[in-house]
Amino acid sequence: MNTTIMTRRAGTPALVGILALGAILSGCAAADPAGQAPSAIETAADGQCGSIPTTPLNDPEGLISRMDAAAKAAYTGFSGALKPSFWSNWKPATPPPYDVAIVYSTEAVPYQATLLKTVKEALEKDPLIGEVTVSFAENNLPTQLQQFQAAIQAAPDLILYQPLAPDPFVPLSEQAAAAGIPSLTMQSVVPSDKVINISPNSFLLGARPAAEVAKLMGGKGTMLGVRGVKGVSIETETFEGIKQVIGLCPEITLDDSVVGAYNPTTAKTEVLKWLSTHQTDVGGVVHAAIMGNGVISAFEQAGRQMPPMADAAASEGSLAYWQKNAPEGYRGAATGQGPQAMGSVIADIALRVLNGDGVKVNTVLLEPALVTDENLDDWAVSGAEVSSGKSAEPPAGTFPPAGYIDQFFAK
């Protein structure tokens, strides 16, 4: 029978928790004279406002170049080094059942709670798995490092963890590897071949919808940026994608001074403060992830018109607002991955590793799905309230594409 041991430590309370078309002007489509949103969004040419900058992938051994187009697209903007996995020929030394330790950041954010629940339930119902233990660092890095060390000493067959900072876990992952324990990240990237990283592409999480909103803005105006938790690697990467996109739009000014801490309530409060001191028009808004309904609520309470939003990791509420207001001309763009979909991927990869299937590469990235006017109805949940902060899940069977994970394994 599977059992779960839960331990908690007090920590720092940070929450870790993302379209005018006519003649091209300054690299981006110009808004129509009436200032109304265009009826269609066109693809921007490379290097123009509304496109996503690309850089050569650091893949010296061609690990991704041998995979399909979906895999190549999923690594757009990824700056890490791709290496053959240390675990490519590994098999457990003993037969199942196998024990799994999960070193988690926090479940205080609904997305985080659902992600953990999905992973645990998928593992515990599989006959390969014996016991799953969970420790919570509550976003305190020293606590998390201690918990990872304790997990190594407990000698599970596999460790899953959400590193609050990547670099300190490099030596710890090497200790785990020396003990024969694979360590797998959950939505983060630790720069080591001893780690099996599983993450959505954080760069694209913000860059994809930001590029669409830049086109909706006609390539000019003020874009309000709402940060998550500054210093957390996934947040830094998401805003790096946003900044690179806006860097191609010389007439768009990005003000990312607002910090919402990945919390819709905090985001609402901080955006309200910003709006009270900034009376100029806001042409667009972008946020780090999962704060869209809080941003919308702030604009509504302030009596300000809601601009097009680059809605990273969209919620059911923010998509409900978009769908409800689309007949009146509201437009936006979003990315979505959903904690249930992401948790299922993490559990699937963990089980494949324990099955000895031979993971080929140290970092498995997934491309966040883009939500536009064309597929909004496929994502929006009937009857959802705008106030709902529940993360939107992708349409069944679409994230990741069928067969996508198979190519990362030898069998």
Protein backbone atom coordinates (compact mmCIF):
# COMPACT_ATOMS: atom_id res chain seq x y z
CA MET A 1 0.00 0.00 0.00
CA ASN A 2 1.30 3.45 -0.87
CA THR A 3 1.76 5.91 1.96
CA THR A 4 2.68 9.56 1.99
CA ILE A 5 4.75 11.27 4.67
CA MET A 6 4.33 15.03 4.77
CA THR A 7 6.85 17.31 6.47
CA ARG A 8 6.91 21.11 6.57
CA ARG A 9 9.38 23.78 7.52
CA ALA A 10 8.71 27.47 7.99
CA GLY A 11 10.21 29.72 5.34
CA THR A 12 10.18 32.99 3.48
CA PRO A 13 6.61 33.65 2.21
CA ALA A 14 7.37 34.15 -1.49
CA LEU A 15 4.97 32.42 -3.84
CA VAL A 16 6.31 30.27 -6.60
CA GLY A 17 3.31 29.34 -8.18
CA ILE A 18 2.28 34.02 -18.46
CA LEU A 19 -2.72 41.53 -31.87
CA ALA A 20 -3.82 47.14 -36.82
CA LEU A 21 -2.60 45.35 -39.49
CA GLY A 22 -1.92 47.32 -42.60
CA ALA A 23 1.34 48.84 -43.63
CA ILE A 24 4.43 47.88 -41.61
CA LEU A 25 5.62 50.71 -39.41
CA SER A 26 8.81 50.52 -37.39
CA GLY A 27 8.85 46.76 -37.79
CA CYS A 28 5.29 46.23 -36.55
CA ALA A 29 1.77 46.61 -37.91
CA ALA A 30 0.24 50.04 -37.41
CA ALA A 31 -3.05 50.57 -35.57
CA ASP A 32 -5.97 51.66 -37.67
CA PRO A 33 -6.95 55.35 -37.57
CA ALA A 34 -9.88 54.74 -35.24
CA GLY A 35 -7.64 52.97 -32.76
CA GLN A 36 -9.71 49.79 -32.99
CA ALA A 37 -8.22 46.32 -32.82
CA PRO A 38 -7.55 44.71 -36.20
CA SER A 39 -9.77 41.92 -37.44
CA ALA A 40 -6.94 39.44 -37.91
CA ILE A 41 -3.45 38.82 -36.60
CA GLU A 42 -0.74 38.21 -39.14
CA THR A 43 2.59 36.52 -38.70
CA ALA A 44 5.45 38.96 -38.18
CA ALA A 45 8.61 38.40 -40.18
CA ASP A 46 11.70 37.37 -38.25
CA GLY A 47 13.32 40.31 -36.56
CA GLN A 48 10.23 42.51 -36.76
CA CYS A 49 7.97 43.65 -33.96
CA GLY A 50 5.63 40.82 -33.12
CA SER A 51 8.14 38.06 -33.83
CA ILE A 52 10.09 35.97 -31.35
CA PRO A 53 13.89 36.31 -31.45
CA THR A 54 15.76 33.09 -32.05
CA THR A 55 19.29 32.18 -31.10
CA PRO A 56 21.29 29.07 -31.99
CA LEU A 57 20.55 26.19 -29.64
CA ASN A 58 23.44 25.08 -27.44
CA ASP A 59 23.22 21.47 -28.63
CA PRO A 60 26.76 20.43 -29.65
CA GLU A 61 25.84 16.77 -30.05
CA GLY A 62 22.69 17.42 -32.10
CA LEU A 63 20.40 15.77 -29.58
CA ILE A 64 17.37 17.90 -30.51
CA SER A 65 18.21 18.32 -34.20
CA ARG A 66 17.50 14.61 -34.66
CA MET A 67 14.01 14.99 -33.22
CA ASP A 68 10.78 16.19 -34.83
CA ALA A 69 9.63 19.75 -35.56
CA ALA A 70 7.63 19.94 -32.32
CA ALA A 71 10.75 19.27 -30.28
CA LYS A 72 12.80 21.84 -32.18
CA ALA A 73 10.09 24.46 -31.66
CA ALA A 74 9.90 23.64 -27.95
CA TYR A 75 13.55 24.70 -27.45
CA THR A 76 13.18 28.17 -29.01
CA GLY A 77 15.02 30.68 -26.83
CA PHE A 78 16.46 28.02 -24.52
CA SER A 79 19.88 29.20 -23.37
CA GLY A 80 20.97 26.17 -21.38
CA ALA A 81 23.43 23.53 -22.52
CA LEU A 82 21.97 20.28 -23.79
CA LYS A 83 23.94 17.18 -22.89
CA PRO A 84 23.45 13.43 -23.13
CA SER A 85 21.85 12.27 -19.93
CA PHE A 86 24.00 10.60 -17.31
CA TRP A 87 21.06 8.22 -16.87
CA SER A 88 20.74 7.10 -20.51
CA ASN A 89 21.78 3.51 -19.72
CA TRP A 90 20.60 3.34 -16.11
CA LYS A 91 18.29 0.75 -14.67
CA PRO A 92 17.31 0.31 -11.02
CA ALA A 93 19.53 -2.15 -9.16
CA THR A 94 16.57 -3.88 -7.53
CA PRO A 95 13.10 -4.94 -8.70
CA PRO A 96 10.01 -2.85 -7.90
CA PRO A 97 8.29 -1.48 -5.96
CA TYR A 98 10.33 1.73 -5.93
CA ASP A 99 10.27 4.57 -3.43
CA VAL A 100 10.09 8.21 -4.55
CA ALA A 101 10.98 11.29 -2.52
CA ILE A 102 9.45 14.62 -3.54
CA VAL A 103 11.22 17.78 -2.31
CA TYR A 104 8.61 20.47 -3.03
CA SER A 105 8.64 24.25 -2.89
CA THR A 106 5.12 25.04 -1.66
CA GLU A 107 1.52 24.07 -2.30
CA ALA A 108 0.19 27.44 -1.11
CA VAL A 109 -0.58 28.44 -4.71
CA PRO A 110 -3.49 26.49 -6.27
CA TYR A 111 -1.42 25.66 -9.37
CA GLN A 112 1.26 24.16 -7.15
CA ALA A 113 -1.22 22.16 -5.09
CA THR A 114 -2.84 20.68 -8.21
CA LEU A 115 0.53 19.88 -9.80
CA LEU A 116 1.69 17.99 -6.72
CA LYS A 117 -1.62 16.15 -6.33
CA THR A 118 -1.51 15.06 -9.98
CA VAL A 119 2.05 13.76 -9.75
CA LYS A 120 1.47 11.91 -6.47
CA GLU A 121 -1.73 10.25 -7.59
CA ALA A 122 -0.23 9.13 -10.90
CA LEU A 123 2.77 7.63 -9.13
CA GLU A 124 0.86 5.97 -6.30
CA LYS A 125 -1.54 4.15 -8.61
CA ASP A 126 1.30 2.61 -10.66
CA PRO A 127 2.51 -0.88 -9.62
CA LEU A 128 6.13 0.25 -9.99
CA ILE A 129 5.79 2.55 -6.99
CA GLY A 130 5.91 1.67 -3.31
CA GLU A 131 6.09 4.72 -1.06
CA VAL A 132 5.95 8.41 -2.01
CA THR A 133 7.21 10.87 0.62
CA VAL A 134 6.83 14.65 0.37
CA SER A 135 8.67 17.47 2.13
CA PHE A 136 7.77 21.16 1.80
CA ALA A 137 10.40 23.89 1.94
CA GLU A 138 7.79 26.69 1.82
CA ASN A 139 10.07 28.58 -0.56
CA ASN A 140 13.01 28.67 1.82
CA LEU A 141 16.15 27.70 -0.07
CA PRO A 142 18.33 26.60 2.89
CA THR A 143 15.46 24.43 4.11
CA GLN A 144 15.07 22.90 0.66
CA LEU A 145 18.77 22.12 0.40
CA GLN A 146 18.61 20.37 3.77
CA GLN A 147 15.55 18.41 2.68
CA PHE A 148 17.27 17.28 -0.51
CA GLN A 149 20.27 16.14 1.52
CA ALA A 150 17.94 14.23 3.85
CA ALA A 151 16.27 12.62 0.84
CA ILE A 152 19.64 11.35 -0.40
CA GLN A 153 20.38 9.89 3.02
CA ALA A 154 16.99 8.14 3.06
CA ALA A 155 18.06 6.37 -0.17
CA PRO A 156 14.88 6.43 -2.26
CA ASP A 157 15.00 5.07 -5.78
CA LEU A 158 14.26 8.49 -7.32
CA ILE A 159 14.00 12.14 -6.19
CA LEU A 160 11.58 14.67 -7.69
CA TYR A 161 12.11 18.31 -6.72
CA GLN A 162 11.32 21.94 -7.50
CA PRO A 163 14.61 23.83 -7.03
CA LEU A 164 14.12 27.36 -5.77
CA ALA A 165 17.50 28.21 -7.29
CA PRO A 166 19.26 25.94 -9.80
CA ASP A 167 22.98 26.26 -9.11
CA PRO A 168 23.05 25.10 -5.46
CA PHE A 169 21.54 21.81 -6.56
CA VAL A 170 24.35 20.93 -8.96
CA PRO A 171 26.61 19.44 -6.26
CA LEU A 172 23.66 17.84 -4.52
CA SER A 173 22.51 16.19 -7.74
CA GLU A 174 26.04 14.84 -8.13
CA GLN A 175 25.84 13.39 -4.62
CA ALA A 176 22.54 11.75 -5.52
CA ALA A 177 24.03 10.37 -8.74
CA ALA A 178 27.01 8.96 -6.84
CA ALA A 179 24.49 7.14 -4.65
CA GLY A 180 22.72 5.80 -7.75
CA ILE A 181 19.64 8.00 -7.30
CA PRO A 182 18.26 9.86 -10.35
CA SER A 183 16.96 13.35 -9.55
CA LEU A 184 14.25 14.93 -11.73
CA THR A 185 13.23 18.57 -11.60
CA MET A 186 9.61 19.64 -11.73
CA GLN A 187 9.29 22.75 -13.92
CA SER A 188 12.84 24.02 -13.60
CA VAL A 189 16.29 23.49 -15.12
CA VAL A 190 19.43 22.64 -13.14
CA PRO A 191 22.56 22.87 -15.34
CA SER A 192 23.92 19.35 -14.98
CA ASP A 193 23.91 16.11 -16.95
CA LYS A 194 23.28 14.33 -13.63
CA VAL A 195 19.79 15.89 -13.51
CA ILE A 196 16.78 15.02 -15.63
CA ASN A 197 15.08 18.39 -16.12
CA ILE A 198 11.38 18.48 -16.98
CA SER A 199 10.01 21.93 -17.71
CA PRO A 200 7.82 24.01 -19.96
CA ASN A 201 9.92 26.48 -21.95
CA SER A 202 9.83 29.47 -19.60
CA PHE A 203 11.17 31.81 -22.32
CA LEU A 204 8.25 30.97 -24.61
CA LEU A 205 5.72 31.07 -21.76
CA GLY A 206 5.88 34.87 -21.86
CA ALA A 207 7.38 35.49 -25.30
CA ARG A 208 4.61 33.81 -27.33
CA PRO A 209 1.66 35.86 -26.01
CA ALA A 210 3.78 39.03 -25.69
CA ALA A 211 4.55 38.87 -29.42
CA GLU A 212 0.84 38.62 -30.23
CA VAL A 213 -0.06 41.51 -27.94
CA ALA A 214 2.73 43.65 -29.45
CA LYS A 215 0.94 43.24 -32.80
CA LEU A 216 -2.43 44.06 -31.23
CA MET A 217 -0.86 47.25 -29.88
CA GLY A 218 0.18 48.22 -33.39
CA GLY A 219 3.79 48.20 -32.26
CA LYS A 220 3.51 51.27 -30.04
CA GLY A 221 2.45 52.43 -26.60
CA THR A 222 3.02 51.48 -22.98
CA MET A 223 3.00 47.84 -21.94
CA LEU A 224 2.57 47.14 -18.23
CA GLY A 225 4.56 44.15 -17.01
CA VAL A 226 3.62 42.35 -13.79
CA ARG A 227 6.51 40.35 -12.39
CA GLY A 228 6.21 37.14 -10.41
CA VAL A 229 8.88 36.50 -7.78
CA LYS A 230 12.06 38.23 -8.87
CA GLY A 231 15.17 36.08 -8.64
CA VAL A 232 13.36 32.78 -9.19
CA SER A 233 14.85 31.25 -12.33
CA ILE A 234 11.59 30.46 -14.10
CA GLU A 235 10.41 34.06 -13.59
CA THR A 236 13.69 35.49 -14.85
CA GLU A 237 13.51 33.34 -17.99
CA THR A 238 9.87 34.25 -18.65
CA PHE A 239 10.58 37.97 -18.50
CA GLU A 240 13.74 37.53 -20.56
CA GLY A 241 11.49 36.19 -23.32
CA ILE A 242 9.11 39.13 -22.91
CA LYS A 243 11.93 41.67 -22.96
CA GLN A 244 13.51 40.16 -26.07
CA VAL A 245 10.16 40.33 -27.87
CA ILE A 246 9.55 43.95 -26.85
CA GLY A 247 13.16 44.76 -27.76
CA LEU A 248 12.09 44.33 -31.40
CA CYS A 249 9.40 47.01 -30.93
CA PRO A 250 11.16 50.39 -30.56
CA GLU A 251 7.88 52.26 -30.02
CA ILE A 252 6.68 50.06 -27.16
CA THR A 253 7.78 50.97 -23.63
CA LEU A 254 7.73 48.12 -21.13
CA ASP A 255 7.21 49.15 -17.51
CA ASP A 256 7.75 46.03 -15.41
CA SER A 257 7.96 47.75 -12.02
CA VAL A 258 4.90 45.96 -10.61
CA VAL A 259 5.53 42.75 -8.65
CA GLY A 260 2.57 40.41 -8.17
CA ALA A 261 4.40 37.46 -6.54
CA TYR A 262 2.48 34.89 -8.62
CA ASN A 263 -0.60 35.72 -6.52
CA PRO A 264 -3.72 37.15 -8.24
CA THR A 265 -4.74 39.03 -5.08
CA THR A 266 -1.32 40.62 -4.70
CA ALA A 267 -1.23 41.38 -8.42
CA LYS A 268 -4.60 43.16 -8.18
CA THR A 269 -3.41 45.30 -5.27
CA GLU A 270 -0.13 46.26 -6.91
CA VAL A 271 -1.68 46.97 -10.32
CA LEU A 272 -4.29 49.18 -8.64
CA LYS A 273 -1.48 51.16 -7.00
CA TRP A 274 0.27 51.55 -10.35
CA LEU A 275 -2.90 52.64 -12.14
CA SER A 276 -3.60 55.26 -9.46
CA THR A 277 -0.31 57.00 -10.26
CA HIS A 278 -0.23 56.42 -14.03
CA GLN A 279 -3.10 58.08 -15.86
CA THR A 280 -1.71 57.62 -19.39
CA ASP A 281 -3.19 55.00 -21.67
CA VAL A 282 -1.99 51.44 -21.24
CA GLY A 283 -1.70 49.75 -24.63
CA GLY A 284 -1.08 46.23 -23.35
CA VAL A 285 -0.24 44.21 -20.29
CA VAL A 286 1.86 41.12 -19.66
CA HIS A 287 2.43 39.09 -16.51
CA ALA A 288 4.82 36.35 -15.44
CA ALA A 289 2.12 33.67 -15.00
CA ILE A 290 -1.16 32.74 -13.24
CA MET A 291 -2.07 36.35 -12.29
CA GLY A 292 -4.36 37.26 -15.20
CA ASN A 293 -7.66 37.41 -13.32
CA GLY A 294 -6.08 39.62 -10.66
CA VAL A 295 -4.84 42.04 -13.33
CA ILE A 296 -8.29 42.16 -14.95
CA SER A 297 -9.94 42.83 -11.60
CA ALA A 298 -7.59 45.75 -10.97
CA PHE A 299 -8.42 47.45 -14.28
CA GLU A 300 -12.14 46.94 -13.68
CA GLN A 301 -12.02 48.33 -10.13
CA ALA A 302 -10.00 51.32 -11.33
CA GLY A 303 -12.59 52.02 -14.03
CA ARG A 304 -9.94 51.68 -16.72
CA GLN A 305 -10.37 49.94 -20.05
CA MET A 306 -8.76 46.51 -20.03
CA PRO A 307 -6.03 46.44 -22.69
CA PRO A 308 -4.95 43.34 -24.63
CA MET A 309 -3.19 41.03 -22.20
CA ALA A 310 -0.36 38.55 -22.74
CA ASP A 311 -1.76 36.02 -20.33
CA ALA A 312 1.02 33.57 -19.43
CA ALA A 313 -0.25 30.33 -17.89
CA ALA A 314 -3.82 31.53 -18.24
CA SER A 315 -6.51 30.93 -15.65
CA GLU A 316 -10.08 29.84 -16.31
CA GLY A 317 -11.17 33.29 -15.10
CA SER A 318 -8.98 35.31 -17.46
CA LEU A 319 -10.08 33.20 -20.43
CA ALA A 320 -13.73 33.60 -19.34
CA TYR A 321 -13.27 37.39 -19.38
CA TRP A 322 -11.76 37.22 -22.87
CA GLN A 323 -14.55 35.02 -24.19
CA LYS A 324 -17.26 37.14 -22.57
CA ASN A 325 -15.88 40.41 -23.95
CA ALA A 326 -14.79 39.19 -27.39
CA PRO A 327 -18.14 40.18 -28.99
CA GLU A 328 -17.42 43.78 -27.91
CA GLY A 329 -13.97 43.66 -29.53
CA TYR A 330 -11.70 42.60 -26.69
CA ARG A 331 -8.66 40.65 -27.83
CA GLY A 332 -5.71 39.06 -26.16
CA ALA A 333 -3.30 36.15 -26.29
CA ALA A 334 -2.35 33.52 -23.76
CA THR A 335 -0.22 30.49 -23.11
CA GLY A 336 -1.44 27.47 -21.21
CA GLN A 337 -0.06 24.24 -19.91
CA GLY A 338 -2.21 23.40 -16.89
CA PRO A 339 -0.98 21.73 -13.70
CA GLN A 340 -2.84 18.50 -14.42
CA ALA A 341 -1.32 18.21 -17.89
CA MET A 342 2.13 19.16 -16.63
CA GLY A 343 1.90 16.84 -13.63
CA SER A 344 0.94 13.94 -15.88
CA VAL A 345 4.06 14.55 -18.00
CA ILE A 346 6.31 14.66 -14.93
CA ALA A 347 4.89 11.42 -13.56
CA ASP A 348 5.13 9.73 -16.96
CA ILE A 349 8.82 10.60 -17.33
CA ALA A 350 9.58 9.52 -13.76
CA LEU A 351 7.95 6.14 -14.36
CA ARG A 352 9.81 5.69 -17.66
CA VAL A 353 13.10 6.37 -15.90
CA LEU A 354 12.33 3.82 -13.20
CA ASN A 355 11.33 1.36 -15.92
CA GLY A 356 14.85 1.69 -17.38
CA ASP A 357 13.68 3.18 -20.68
CA GLY A 358 16.86 5.27 -21.05
CA VAL A 359 16.32 9.03 -21.16
CA LYS A 360 18.57 10.55 -23.86
CA VAL A 361 18.97 14.19 -22.87
CA ASN A 362 19.42 16.12 -19.63
CA THR A 363 16.59 18.59 -20.31
CA VAL A 364 13.11 17.74 -21.60
CA LEU A 365 11.31 20.96 -22.57
CA LEU A 366 7.69 21.38 -23.55
CA GLU A 367 6.34 24.21 -25.69
CA PRO A 368 3.59 26.18 -23.90
CA ALA A 369 0.48 26.12 -26.07
CA LEU A 370 -0.64 29.45 -27.58
CA VAL A 371 -4.24 30.54 -27.10
CA THR A 372 -5.62 33.01 -29.66
CA ASP A 373 -9.04 34.11 -30.92
CA GLU A 374 -9.09 31.05 -33.17
CA ASN A 375 -8.83 28.42 -30.43
CA LEU A 376 -10.14 30.34 -27.39
CA ASP A 377 -13.40 28.38 -27.32
CA ASP A 378 -11.40 25.13 -27.11
CA TRP A 379 -9.71 26.35 -23.91
CA ALA A 380 -12.43 28.36 -22.18
CA VAL A 381 -14.51 26.49 -19.59
CA SER A 382 -18.27 26.86 -19.91
CA GLY A 383 -19.74 28.69 -16.91
CA ALA A 384 -16.39 29.76 -15.46
CA GLU A 385 -16.44 32.99 -13.48
CA VAL A 386 -13.97 35.78 -14.19
CA SER A 387 -12.90 35.56 -10.56
CA SER A 388 -11.70 31.96 -10.96
CA GLY A 389 -7.95 31.61 -10.49
CA LYS A 390 -7.97 27.93 -11.43
CA SER A 391 -5.37 27.28 -14.11
CA ALA A 392 -6.76 26.55 -17.56
CA GLU A 393 -6.04 23.05 -18.80
CA PRO A 394 -5.28 22.36 -22.47
CA PRO A 395 -7.79 20.44 -24.59
CA ALA A 396 -7.44 16.73 -23.93
CA GLY A 397 -4.63 15.04 -25.81
CA THR A 398 -2.95 18.24 -27.02
CA PHE A 399 -0.24 18.82 -24.38
CA PRO A 400 2.19 17.46 -25.18
CA PRO A 401 1.48 16.32 -28.75
CA ALA A 402 0.96 12.58 -29.15
CA GLY A 403 4.28 10.73 -29.21
CA TYR A 404 6.28 13.78 -28.15
CA ILE A 405 7.84 12.28 -25.01
CA ASP A 406 8.67 8.98 -26.76
CA GLN A 407 11.51 10.54 -28.74
CA PHE A 408 13.37 11.48 -25.57
CA PHE A 409 13.79 7.82 -24.59
CA ALA A 410 15.74 4.91 -26.07
CA LYS A 411 12.72 2.66 -25.72
